[in-house]
């Protein structure tokens, strides 16, 4: 099963319409330029192993953005990244919908996605409140970035493992469950959902492109549910007046995320994640310095 497809003409039409909608929304949104910046941050970081939530929370603090809604804004605009994945793999997804009743390979793929989705979904629903109250802060993010960066470098420097899985449809239930268990770590802001699931896949014998593509597919239910659940549980903090800023952030993140997906698939085909590990350590140290200086 292909992990990358060239964009169809209709995709560019959708992207242009989204861009026009975003431009029309900017004047309607308080602190519109900050929402645009945060949308770009989300789109750039969601599928890279550097933690989008961590970057968003720190960027919100640095920009003194007042529309965070207790962290709901940062979670909601991930919906744009979900739509980007659906759009990027639209051909494959439509084919899978047609074939799922009789095609065993498609059934195996979506069984793997369901099994990988469950651990983070269950744990996330149970501990959502405590996590947002105690861990959504720059210090936690800085520590998680540094620790995760060191782990990323160590894992990538290990001797190459035998590759047992080269296509999405060959992922086993055991591999899926363990990748999903690794994704639970990403409930801590700064860990990175993409990083946990991709590195988990690599350690379990998936090749680089397959591990990355599976992380993209896994984002559809994981981020989709996280957005819906957080929005429903935060209705007392959100009003109709917040809709334009939420929509603008999601639109910008979706546009940027779509381009990030294609770039990352090409990148991982021939390069390691060591550079991302180094970046995480530098970013974590920078956040600690900003905290020490009272700038966060």
C-alpha atoms as a PDB file:
ATOM      1  CA  UNK A   1       0.000   0.000   0.000  1.00  0.00           C
ATOM      2  CA  UNK A   2       1.434   3.380  -1.020  1.00  0.00           C
ATOM      3  CA  UNK A   3       2.491   5.757   1.730  1.00  0.00           C
ATOM      4  CA  UNK A   4       2.748   8.823  -0.508  1.00  0.00           C
ATOM      5  CA  UNK A   5       0.697  10.029  -3.459  1.00  0.00           C
ATOM      6  CA  UNK A   6       1.148  13.093  -5.666  1.00  0.00           C
ATOM      7  CA  UNK A   7      -1.530  15.698  -4.977  1.00  0.00           C
ATOM      8  CA  UNK A   8      -4.569  15.774  -7.253  1.00  0.00           C
ATOM      9  CA  UNK A   9      -5.762  18.998  -8.830  1.00  0.00           C
ATOM     10  CA  UNK A  10      -8.753  19.051  -6.491  1.00  0.00           C
ATOM     11  CA  UNK A  11      -6.395  19.127  -3.509  1.00  0.00           C
ATOM     12  CA  UNK A  12      -4.946  22.437  -4.610  1.00  0.00           C
ATOM     13  CA  UNK A  13      -8.454  23.841  -4.994  1.00  0.00           C
ATOM     14  CA  UNK A  14      -9.274  22.868  -1.400  1.00  0.00           C
ATOM     15  CA  UNK A  15      -6.007  24.360  -0.131  1.00  0.00           C
ATOM     16  CA  UNK A  16      -6.664  27.630  -1.957  1.00  0.00           C
ATOM     17  CA  UNK A  17     -10.217  27.817  -0.610  1.00  0.00           C
ATOM     18  CA  UNK A  18      -8.917  27.180   2.919  1.00  0.00           C
ATOM     19  CA  UNK A  19      -6.333  29.939   2.475  1.00  0.00           C
ATOM     20  CA  UNK A  20      -9.000  32.387   1.274  1.00  0.00           C
ATOM     21  CA  UNK A  21     -11.241  31.471   4.221  1.00  0.00           C
ATOM     22  CA  UNK A  22      -8.337  32.062   6.601  1.00  0.00           C
ATOM     23  CA  UNK A  23      -7.632  35.485   5.089  1.00  0.00           C
ATOM     24  CA  UNK A  24     -11.288  36.448   5.493  1.00  0.00           C
ATOM     25  CA  UNK A  25     -11.293  35.313   9.126  1.00  0.00           C
ATOM     26  CA  UNK A  26      -8.165  37.189  10.251  1.00  0.00           C
ATOM     27  CA  UNK A  27      -9.881  40.611  10.558  1.00  0.00           C
ATOM     28  CA  UNK A  28     -12.697  38.974  12.564  1.00  0.00           C
ATOM     29  CA  UNK A  29     -10.390  37.522  15.201  1.00  0.00           C
ATOM     30  CA  UNK A  30      -8.879  39.317  18.181  1.00  0.00           C
ATOM     31  CA  UNK A  31      -5.088  38.876  18.113  1.00  0.00           C
ATOM     32  CA  UNK A  32      -5.503  37.357  14.656  1.00  0.00           C
ATOM     33  CA  UNK A  33      -1.806  37.428  13.830  1.00  0.00           C
ATOM     34  CA  UNK A  34      -1.058  35.430  16.985  1.00  0.00           C
ATOM     35  CA  UNK A  35      -3.633  32.815  15.974  1.00  0.00           C
ATOM     36  CA  UNK A  36      -1.945  32.573  12.558  1.00  0.00           C
ATOM     37  CA  UNK A  37       1.472  32.096  14.163  1.00  0.00           C
ATOM     38  CA  UNK A  38       0.121  29.392  16.464  1.00  0.00           C
ATOM     39  CA  UNK A  39      -1.596  27.674  13.550  1.00  0.00           C
ATOM     40  CA  UNK A  40       1.691  27.600  11.662  1.00  0.00           C
ATOM     41  CA  UNK A  41       3.472  26.202  14.740  1.00  0.00           C
ATOM     42  CA  UNK A  42       0.871  23.424  15.049  1.00  0.00           C
ATOM     43  CA  UNK A  43       1.011  22.553  11.351  1.00  0.00           C
ATOM     44  CA  UNK A  44       4.806  22.422  11.328  1.00  0.00           C
ATOM     45  CA  UNK A  45       5.230  20.402  14.505  1.00  0.00           C
ATOM     46  CA  UNK A  46       2.266  17.991  14.709  1.00  0.00           C
ATOM     47  CA  UNK A  47       3.887  15.238  12.654  1.00  0.00           C
ATOM     48  CA  UNK A  48       7.518  15.906  13.594  1.00  0.00           C
ATOM     49  CA  UNK A  49       9.006  14.159  16.677  1.00  0.00           C
ATOM     50  CA  UNK A  50       9.333  17.428  18.581  1.00  0.00           C
ATOM     51  CA  UNK A  51       5.928  17.819  20.337  1.00  0.00           C
ATOM     52  CA  UNK A  52       3.328  20.119  18.826  1.00  0.00           C
ATOM     53  CA  UNK A  53       1.492  20.593  22.138  1.00  0.00           C
ATOM     54  CA  UNK A  54       4.710  21.576  23.876  1.00  0.00           C
ATOM     55  CA  UNK A  55       5.594  24.081  21.168  1.00  0.00           C
ATOM     56  CA  UNK A  56       2.065  25.503  21.131  1.00  0.00           C
ATOM     57  CA  UNK A  57       1.865  26.016  24.884  1.00  0.00           C
ATOM     58  CA  UNK A  58       5.276  27.693  25.040  1.00  0.00           C
ATOM     59  CA  UNK A  59       4.508  29.822  21.971  1.00  0.00           C
ATOM     60  CA  UNK A  60       1.186  30.882  23.527  1.00  0.00           C
ATOM     61  CA  UNK A  61       2.984  31.950  26.699  1.00  0.00           C
ATOM     62  CA  UNK A  62       5.715  33.746  24.756  1.00  0.00           C
ATOM     63  CA  UNK A  63       3.148  35.619  22.628  1.00  0.00           C
ATOM     64  CA  UNK A  64       1.003  36.358  25.696  1.00  0.00           C
ATOM     65  CA  UNK A  65      -1.931  34.958  23.760  1.00  0.00           C
ATOM     66  CA  UNK A  66      -5.145  35.432  25.735  1.00  0.00           C
ATOM     67  CA  UNK A  67      -7.402  33.048  23.792  1.00  0.00           C
ATOM     68  CA  UNK A  68      -5.954  29.754  25.007  1.00  0.00           C
ATOM     69  CA  UNK A  69      -9.236  28.789  26.740  1.00  0.00           C
ATOM     70  CA  UNK A  70      -7.392  26.706  29.308  1.00  0.00           C
ATOM     71  CA  UNK A  71      -5.475  24.806  26.640  1.00  0.00           C
ATOM     72  CA  UNK A  72      -8.582  24.015  24.554  1.00  0.00           C
ATOM     73  CA  UNK A  73      -7.439  26.256  21.682  1.00  0.00           C
ATOM     74  CA  UNK A  74      -4.125  24.407  21.406  1.00  0.00           C
ATOM     75  CA  UNK A  75      -5.901  21.049  21.345  1.00  0.00           C
ATOM     76  CA  UNK A  76      -8.739  22.086  19.021  1.00  0.00           C
ATOM     77  CA  UNK A  77      -6.538  23.386  16.202  1.00  0.00           C
ATOM     78  CA  UNK A  78      -5.043  19.894  15.911  1.00  0.00           C
ATOM     79  CA  UNK A  79      -8.256  19.186  14.009  1.00  0.00           C
ATOM     80  CA  UNK A  80      -6.660  20.928  11.054  1.00  0.00           C
ATOM     81  CA  UNK A  81      -3.844  18.376  11.070  1.00  0.00           C
ATOM     82  CA  UNK A  82      -6.396  15.532  11.121  1.00  0.00           C
ATOM     83  CA  UNK A  83      -8.129  16.974   8.056  1.00  0.00           C
ATOM     84  CA  UNK A  84      -4.730  17.332   6.368  1.00  0.00           C
ATOM     85  CA  UNK A  85      -4.000  13.622   6.864  1.00  0.00           C
ATOM     86  CA  UNK A  86      -7.439  12.655   5.555  1.00  0.00           C
ATOM     87  CA  UNK A  87      -6.911  14.877   2.526  1.00  0.00           C
ATOM     88  CA  UNK A  88      -3.382  13.627   1.884  1.00  0.00           C
ATOM     89  CA  UNK A  89      -4.471   9.982   1.943  1.00  0.00           C
ATOM     90  CA  UNK A  90      -7.925  10.595   0.425  1.00  0.00           C
ATOM     91  CA  UNK A  91      -7.367   8.207  -2.506  1.00  0.00           C
ATOM     92  CA  UNK A  92      -6.233   5.377  -0.238  1.00  0.00           C
ATOM     93  CA  UNK A  93      -8.969   6.023   2.341  1.00  0.00           C
ATOM     94  CA  UNK A  94     -11.732   5.991  -0.268  1.00  0.00           C
ATOM     95  CA  UNK A  95     -10.378   2.761  -1.722  1.00  0.00           C
ATOM     96  CA  UNK A  96     -10.236   1.225   1.760  1.00  0.00           C
ATOM     97  CA  UNK A  97     -13.846   2.193   2.460  1.00  0.00           C
ATOM     98  CA  UNK A  98     -14.885   0.408  -0.741  1.00  0.00           C
ATOM     99  CA  UNK A  99     -12.757  -2.663  -0.048  1.00  0.00           C
ATOM    100  CA  UNK A 100     -12.921  -3.092   3.722  1.00  0.00           C
ATOM    101  CA  UNK A 101     -15.749  -5.662   3.714  1.00  0.00           C
ATOM    102  CA  UNK A 102     -13.881  -8.147   1.523  1.00  0.00           C
ATOM    103  CA  UNK A 103     -10.196  -7.145   1.519  1.00  0.00           C
ATOM    104  CA  UNK A 104      -8.209  -8.806   4.291  1.00  0.00           C
ATOM    105  CA  UNK A 105      -5.250  -6.435   3.952  1.00  0.00           C
ATOM    106  CA  UNK A 106      -7.464  -3.387   4.570  1.00  0.00           C
ATOM    107  CA  UNK A 107      -9.083  -5.136   7.514  1.00  0.00           C
ATOM    108  CA  UNK A 108      -5.650  -5.893   9.018  1.00  0.00           C
ATOM    109  CA  UNK A 109      -4.589  -2.257   8.637  1.00  0.00           C
ATOM    110  CA  UNK A 110      -7.637  -0.829  10.395  1.00  0.00           C
ATOM    111  CA  UNK A 111      -7.546  -3.478  13.101  1.00  0.00           C
ATOM    112  CA  UNK A 112      -3.947  -2.354  13.752  1.00  0.00           C
ATOM    113  CA  UNK A 113      -5.010   1.312  13.858  1.00  0.00           C
ATOM    114  CA  UNK A 114      -7.854   0.504  16.273  1.00  0.00           C
ATOM    115  CA  UNK A 115      -5.571  -1.503  18.578  1.00  0.00           C
ATOM    116  CA  UNK A 116      -2.910   1.227  18.542  1.00  0.00           C
ATOM    117  CA  UNK A 117      -5.517   3.899  19.226  1.00  0.00           C
ATOM    118  CA  UNK A 118      -7.061   2.301  22.322  1.00  0.00           C
ATOM    119  CA  UNK A 119      -4.291   2.697  24.968  1.00  0.00           C
ATOM    120  CA  UNK A 120      -3.941   6.478  24.592  1.00  0.00           C
ATOM    121  CA  UNK A 121      -7.718   6.902  24.229  1.00  0.00           C
ATOM    122  CA  UNK A 122      -8.480   5.056  27.459  1.00  0.00           C
ATOM    123  CA  UNK A 123      -5.691   6.600  29.517  1.00  0.00           C
ATOM    124  CA  UNK A 124      -6.278  10.050  28.032  1.00  0.00           C
ATOM    125  CA  UNK A 125      -9.968  10.110  28.957  1.00  0.00           C
ATOM    126  CA  UNK A 126      -9.198   8.959  32.516  1.00  0.00           C
ATOM    127  CA  UNK A 127      -6.377  11.410  33.276  1.00  0.00           C
ATOM    128  CA  UNK A 128      -7.267  14.351  30.993  1.00  0.00           C
ATOM    129  CA  UNK A 129      -8.106  16.703  33.883  1.00  0.00           C
ATOM    130  CA  UNK A 130      -5.012  16.109  36.035  1.00  0.00           C
ATOM    131  CA  UNK A 131      -2.728  16.320  33.000  1.00  0.00           C
ATOM    132  CA  UNK A 132      -4.091  19.699  31.903  1.00  0.00           C
ATOM    133  CA  UNK A 133      -3.987  21.036  35.455  1.00  0.00           C
ATOM    134  CA  UNK A 134      -0.493  19.889  36.434  1.00  0.00           C
ATOM    135  CA  UNK A 135       1.585  19.209  33.306  1.00  0.00           C
ATOM    136  CA  UNK A 136       0.573  21.938  30.836  1.00  0.00           C
ATOM    137  CA  UNK A 137       3.438  24.240  31.836  1.00  0.00           C
ATOM    138  CA  UNK A 138       6.814  25.265  30.348  1.00  0.00           C
ATOM    139  CA  UNK A 139       8.926  23.429  32.955  1.00  0.00           C
ATOM    140  CA  UNK A 140       7.324  20.057  32.209  1.00  0.00           C
ATOM    141  CA  UNK A 141       7.664  20.717  28.480  1.00  0.00           C
ATOM    142  CA  UNK A 142      11.354  21.649  28.781  1.00  0.00           C
ATOM    143  CA  UNK A 143      12.201  18.513  30.762  1.00  0.00           C
ATOM    144  CA  UNK A 144      10.207  16.283  28.396  1.00  0.00           C
ATOM    145  CA  UNK A 145      11.902  17.827  25.347  1.00  0.00           C
ATOM    146  CA  UNK A 146      15.385  17.247  26.759  1.00  0.00           C
ATOM    147  CA  UNK A 147      14.739  13.707  28.001  1.00  0.00           C
ATOM    148  CA  UNK A 148      12.992  12.812  24.758  1.00  0.00           C
ATOM    149  CA  UNK A 149      15.809  14.302  22.705  1.00  0.00           C
ATOM    150  CA  UNK A 150      18.437  12.241  24.520  1.00  0.00           C
ATOM    151  CA  UNK A 151      16.289   9.099  24.107  1.00  0.00           C
ATOM    152  CA  UNK A 152      15.821   9.824  20.397  1.00  0.00           C
ATOM    153  CA  UNK A 153      19.570  10.127  19.830  1.00  0.00           C
ATOM    154  CA  UNK A 154      20.358   6.973  21.823  1.00  0.00           C
ATOM    155  CA  UNK A 155      17.726   4.944  19.962  1.00  0.00           C
ATOM    156  CA  UNK A 156      18.877   6.186  16.569  1.00  0.00           C
ATOM    157  CA  UNK A 157      22.538   5.457  17.386  1.00  0.00           C
ATOM    158  CA  UNK A 158      21.834   1.817  18.231  1.00  0.00           C
ATOM    159  CA  UNK A 159      22.894  -0.837  15.703  1.00  0.00           C
ATOM    160  CA  UNK A 160      20.285  -1.224  12.940  1.00  0.00           C
ATOM    161  CA  UNK A 161      17.492  -3.648  13.767  1.00  0.00           C
ATOM    162  CA  UNK A 162      16.150  -6.235  11.353  1.00  0.00           C
ATOM    163  CA  UNK A 163      13.193  -4.863   9.404  1.00  0.00           C
ATOM    164  CA  UNK A 164      10.241  -7.236   9.548  1.00  0.00           C
ATOM    165  CA  UNK A 165       7.481  -4.905   8.322  1.00  0.00           C
ATOM    166  CA  UNK A 166       7.706  -2.879   5.118  1.00  0.00           C
ATOM    167  CA  UNK A 167       4.047  -2.128   4.384  1.00  0.00           C
ATOM    168  CA  UNK A 168       1.161  -0.776   6.434  1.00  0.00           C
ATOM    169  CA  UNK A 169      -0.947  -3.885   5.881  1.00  0.00           C
ATOM    170  CA  UNK A 170       1.721  -6.148   7.387  1.00  0.00           C
ATOM    171  CA  UNK A 171       1.631  -4.513  10.833  1.00  0.00           C
ATOM    172  CA  UNK A 172       0.711  -7.174  13.381  1.00  0.00           C
ATOM    173  CA  UNK A 173      -1.728  -6.779  16.314  1.00  0.00           C
ATOM    174  CA  UNK A 174       1.208  -7.110  18.734  1.00  0.00           C
ATOM    175  CA  UNK A 175       3.141  -4.328  16.999  1.00  0.00           C
ATOM    176  CA  UNK A 176       0.036  -2.133  16.938  1.00  0.00           C
ATOM    177  CA  UNK A 177      -0.684  -2.539  20.645  1.00  0.00           C
ATOM    178  CA  UNK A 178       2.922  -1.769  21.584  1.00  0.00           C
ATOM    179  CA  UNK A 179       3.025   1.294  19.303  1.00  0.00           C
ATOM    180  CA  UNK A 180      -0.205   2.457  20.956  1.00  0.00           C
ATOM    181  CA  UNK A 181       1.323   1.899  24.384  1.00  0.00           C
ATOM    182  CA  UNK A 182       4.312   4.029  23.366  1.00  0.00           C
ATOM    183  CA  UNK A 183       1.892   6.743  22.213  1.00  0.00           C
ATOM    184  CA  UNK A 184       0.499   6.968  25.779  1.00  0.00           C
ATOM    185  CA  UNK A 185       3.755   8.713  26.766  1.00  0.00           C
ATOM    186  CA  UNK A 186       2.739  11.598  24.513  1.00  0.00           C
ATOM    187  CA  UNK A 187      -0.039  12.571  26.924  1.00  0.00           C
ATOM    188  CA  UNK A 188       2.773  14.435  28.688  1.00  0.00           C
ATOM    189  CA  UNK A 189       3.260  17.705  26.764  1.00  0.00           C
ATOM    190  CA  UNK A 190       6.738  17.827  25.282  1.00  0.00           C
ATOM    191  CA  UNK A 191       7.014  14.087  24.589  1.00  0.00           C
ATOM    192  CA  UNK A 192       5.517  14.125  21.040  1.00  0.00           C
ATOM    193  CA  UNK A 193       2.791  11.820  19.798  1.00  0.00           C
ATOM    194  CA  UNK A 194       4.469  11.479  16.408  1.00  0.00           C
ATOM    195  CA  UNK A 195       7.867  10.811  17.968  1.00  0.00           C
ATOM    196  CA  UNK A 196       6.547   8.158  20.369  1.00  0.00           C
ATOM    197  CA  UNK A 197       4.598   6.288  17.684  1.00  0.00           C
ATOM    198  CA  UNK A 198       7.318   6.494  14.999  1.00  0.00           C
ATOM    199  CA  UNK A 199      10.164   5.461  17.297  1.00  0.00           C
ATOM    200  CA  UNK A 200       7.951   2.735  18.755  1.00  0.00           C
ATOM    201  CA  UNK A 201       7.385   1.444  15.239  1.00  0.00           C
ATOM    202  CA  UNK A 202      11.090   1.505  14.411  1.00  0.00           C
ATOM    203  CA  UNK A 203      11.950  -0.448  17.569  1.00  0.00           C
ATOM    204  CA  UNK A 204       9.330  -3.046  16.633  1.00  0.00           C
ATOM    205  CA  UNK A 205      10.724  -3.714  13.163  1.00  0.00           C
ATOM    206  CA  UNK A 206       8.798  -1.301  10.906  1.00  0.00           C
ATOM    207  CA  UNK A 207      10.870   0.444   8.270  1.00  0.00           C
ATOM    208  CA  UNK A 208      11.133   4.230   8.504  1.00  0.00           C
ATOM    209  CA  UNK A 209       8.533   5.140   5.891  1.00  0.00           C
ATOM    210  CA  UNK A 210       5.974   2.619   7.165  1.00  0.00           C
ATOM    211  CA  UNK A 211       6.431   3.714  10.791  1.00  0.00           C
ATOM    212  CA  UNK A 212       5.915   7.337   9.761  1.00  0.00           C
ATOM    213  CA  UNK A 213       2.877   6.612   7.579  1.00  0.00           C
ATOM    214  CA  UNK A 214       1.293   4.527  10.369  1.00  0.00           C
ATOM    215  CA  UNK A 215       1.796   7.472  12.721  1.00  0.00           C
ATOM    216  CA  UNK A 216      -0.108   9.650  10.227  1.00  0.00           C
ATOM    217  CA  UNK A 217      -2.987   7.170  10.005  1.00  0.00           C
ATOM    218  CA  UNK A 218      -3.029   6.808  13.790  1.00  0.00           C
ATOM    219  CA  UNK A 219      -3.390  10.582  14.102  1.00  0.00           C
ATOM    220  CA  UNK A 220      -6.858  10.430  12.530  1.00  0.00           C
ATOM    221  CA  UNK A 221      -8.663   8.724  15.452  1.00  0.00           C
ATOM    222  CA  UNK A 222      -6.223   9.892  18.154  1.00  0.00           C
ATOM    223  CA  UNK A 223      -6.279  13.621  17.428  1.00  0.00           C
ATOM    224  CA  UNK A 224      -9.883  13.509  16.269  1.00  0.00           C
ATOM    225  CA  UNK A 225     -11.097  12.014  19.544  1.00  0.00           C
ATOM    226  CA  UNK A 226      -8.833  14.258  21.634  1.00  0.00           C
ATOM    227  CA  UNK A 227     -10.320  17.322  19.948  1.00  0.00           C
ATOM    228  CA  UNK A 228     -13.947  16.196  20.339  1.00  0.00           C
ATOM    229  CA  UNK A 229     -13.571  15.062  23.961  1.00  0.00           C
ATOM    230  CA  UNK A 230     -11.703  18.187  25.051  1.00  0.00           C
ATOM    231  CA  UNK A 231     -14.202  20.459  23.334  1.00  0.00           C
ATOM    232  CA  UNK A 232     -17.184  18.680  24.918  1.00  0.00           C
ATOM    233  CA  UNK A 233     -15.606  18.760  28.377  1.00  0.00           C
ATOM    234  CA  UNK A 234     -14.642  22.427  28.012  1.00  0.00           C
ATOM    235  CA  UNK A 235     -17.975  23.823  26.812  1.00  0.00           C
ATOM    236  CA  UNK A 236     -18.255  25.933  29.966  1.00  0.00           C
ATOM    237  CA  UNK A 237     -15.030  27.732  28.937  1.00  0.00           C
ATOM    238  CA  UNK A 238     -15.889  28.144  25.236  1.00  0.00           C
ATOM    239  CA  UNK A 239     -18.483  30.453  23.686  1.00  0.00           C
ATOM    240  CA  UNK A 240     -19.704  31.107  20.151  1.00  0.00           C
ATOM    241  CA  UNK A 241     -17.466  34.177  20.130  1.00  0.00           C
ATOM    242  CA  UNK A 242     -14.444  31.871  20.207  1.00  0.00           C
ATOM    243  CA  UNK A 243     -15.479  30.097  16.981  1.00  0.00           C
ATOM    244  CA  UNK A 244     -13.608  32.414  14.569  1.00  0.00           C
ATOM    245  CA  UNK A 245     -10.268  32.022  16.368  1.00  0.00           C
ATOM    246  CA  UNK A 246     -10.692  28.234  16.629  1.00  0.00           C
ATOM    247  CA  UNK A 247     -11.610  28.008  12.942  1.00  0.00           C
ATOM    248  CA  UNK A 248      -8.724  30.249  11.866  1.00  0.00           C
ATOM    249  CA  UNK A 249      -6.180  28.272  13.888  1.00  0.00           C
ATOM    250  CA  UNK A 250      -7.478  24.964  12.504  1.00  0.00           C
ATOM    251  CA  UNK A 251      -7.428  26.229   8.908  1.00  0.00           C
ATOM    252  CA  UNK A 252      -3.848  27.499   9.142  1.00  0.00           C
ATOM    253  CA  UNK A 253      -2.625  24.343  10.882  1.00  0.00           C
ATOM    254  CA  UNK A 254      -4.289  22.154   8.266  1.00  0.00           C
ATOM    255  CA  UNK A 255      -2.708  23.976   5.331  1.00  0.00           C
ATOM    256  CA  UNK A 256       0.777  23.869   6.848  1.00  0.00           C
ATOM    257  CA  UNK A 257       0.387  20.259   8.063  1.00  0.00           C
ATOM    258  CA  UNK A 258      -0.497  19.050   4.572  1.00  0.00           C
ATOM    259  CA  UNK A 259       2.861  20.230   3.235  1.00  0.00           C
ATOM    260  CA  UNK A 260       4.678  18.901   6.308  1.00  0.00           C
ATOM    261  CA  UNK A 261       3.343  15.374   5.714  1.00  0.00           C
ATOM    262  CA  UNK A 262       4.821  15.127   2.226  1.00  0.00           C
ATOM    263  CA  UNK A 263       8.145  16.610   3.320  1.00  0.00           C
ATOM    264  CA  UNK A 264       8.499  14.255   6.274  1.00  0.00           C
ATOM    265  CA  UNK A 265       7.771  11.137   4.207  1.00  0.00           C
ATOM    266  CA  UNK A 266      10.551  12.133   1.818  1.00  0.00           C
ATOM    267  CA  UNK A 267      12.888  13.026   4.693  1.00  0.00           C
ATOM    268  CA  UNK A 268      12.593   9.790   6.654  1.00  0.00           C
ATOM    269  CA  UNK A 269      13.174   7.644   3.591  1.00  0.00           C
ATOM    270  CA  UNK A 270      16.910   8.381   3.800  1.00  0.00           C
ATOM    271  CA  UNK A 271      17.651  10.234   7.056  1.00  0.00           C
ATOM    272  CA  UNK A 272      17.619   9.560  10.786  1.00  0.00           C
ATOM    273  CA  UNK A 273      15.911  11.530  13.558  1.00  0.00           C
ATOM    274  CA  UNK A 274      19.171  12.476  15.320  1.00  0.00           C
ATOM    275  CA  UNK A 275      18.799  16.073  14.153  1.00  0.00           C
ATOM    276  CA  UNK A 276      15.386  16.270  15.774  1.00  0.00           C
ATOM    277  CA  UNK A 277      16.873  14.878  18.992  1.00  0.00           C
ATOM    278  CA  UNK A 278      19.511  17.621  19.023  1.00  0.00           C
ATOM    279  CA  UNK A 279      16.855  20.235  18.312  1.00  0.00           C
ATOM    280  CA  UNK A 280      14.722  18.966  21.215  1.00  0.00           C
ATOM    281  CA  UNK A 281      17.628  19.308  23.656  1.00  0.00           C
ATOM    282  CA  UNK A 282      18.436  22.842  22.457  1.00  0.00           C
ATOM    283  CA  UNK A 283      14.752  23.855  22.600  1.00  0.00           C
ATOM    284  CA  UNK A 284      14.361  22.415  26.110  1.00  0.00           C
ATOM    285  CA  UNK A 285      17.446  24.259  27.364  1.00  0.00           C
ATOM    286  CA  UNK A 286      16.214  27.483  25.749  1.00  0.00           C
ATOM    287  CA  UNK A 287      12.879  27.171  27.565  1.00  0.00           C
ATOM    288  CA  UNK A 288      14.685  26.637  30.885  1.00  0.00           C
ATOM    289  CA  UNK A 289      16.756  29.773  30.251  1.00  0.00           C
ATOM    290  CA  UNK A 290      13.599  31.769  29.422  1.00  0.00           C
ATOM    291  CA  UNK A 291      11.999  30.499  32.629  1.00  0.00           C
ATOM    292  CA  UNK A 292      15.060  31.436  34.661  1.00  0.00           C
ATOM    293  CA  UNK A 293      14.963  34.911  33.137  1.00  0.00           C
ATOM    294  CA  UNK A 294      11.286  35.367  33.930  1.00  0.00           C
ATOM    295  CA  UNK A 295      10.341  35.597  30.260  1.00  0.00           C
ATOM    296  CA  UNK A 296       7.907  32.662  30.389  1.00  0.00           C
END
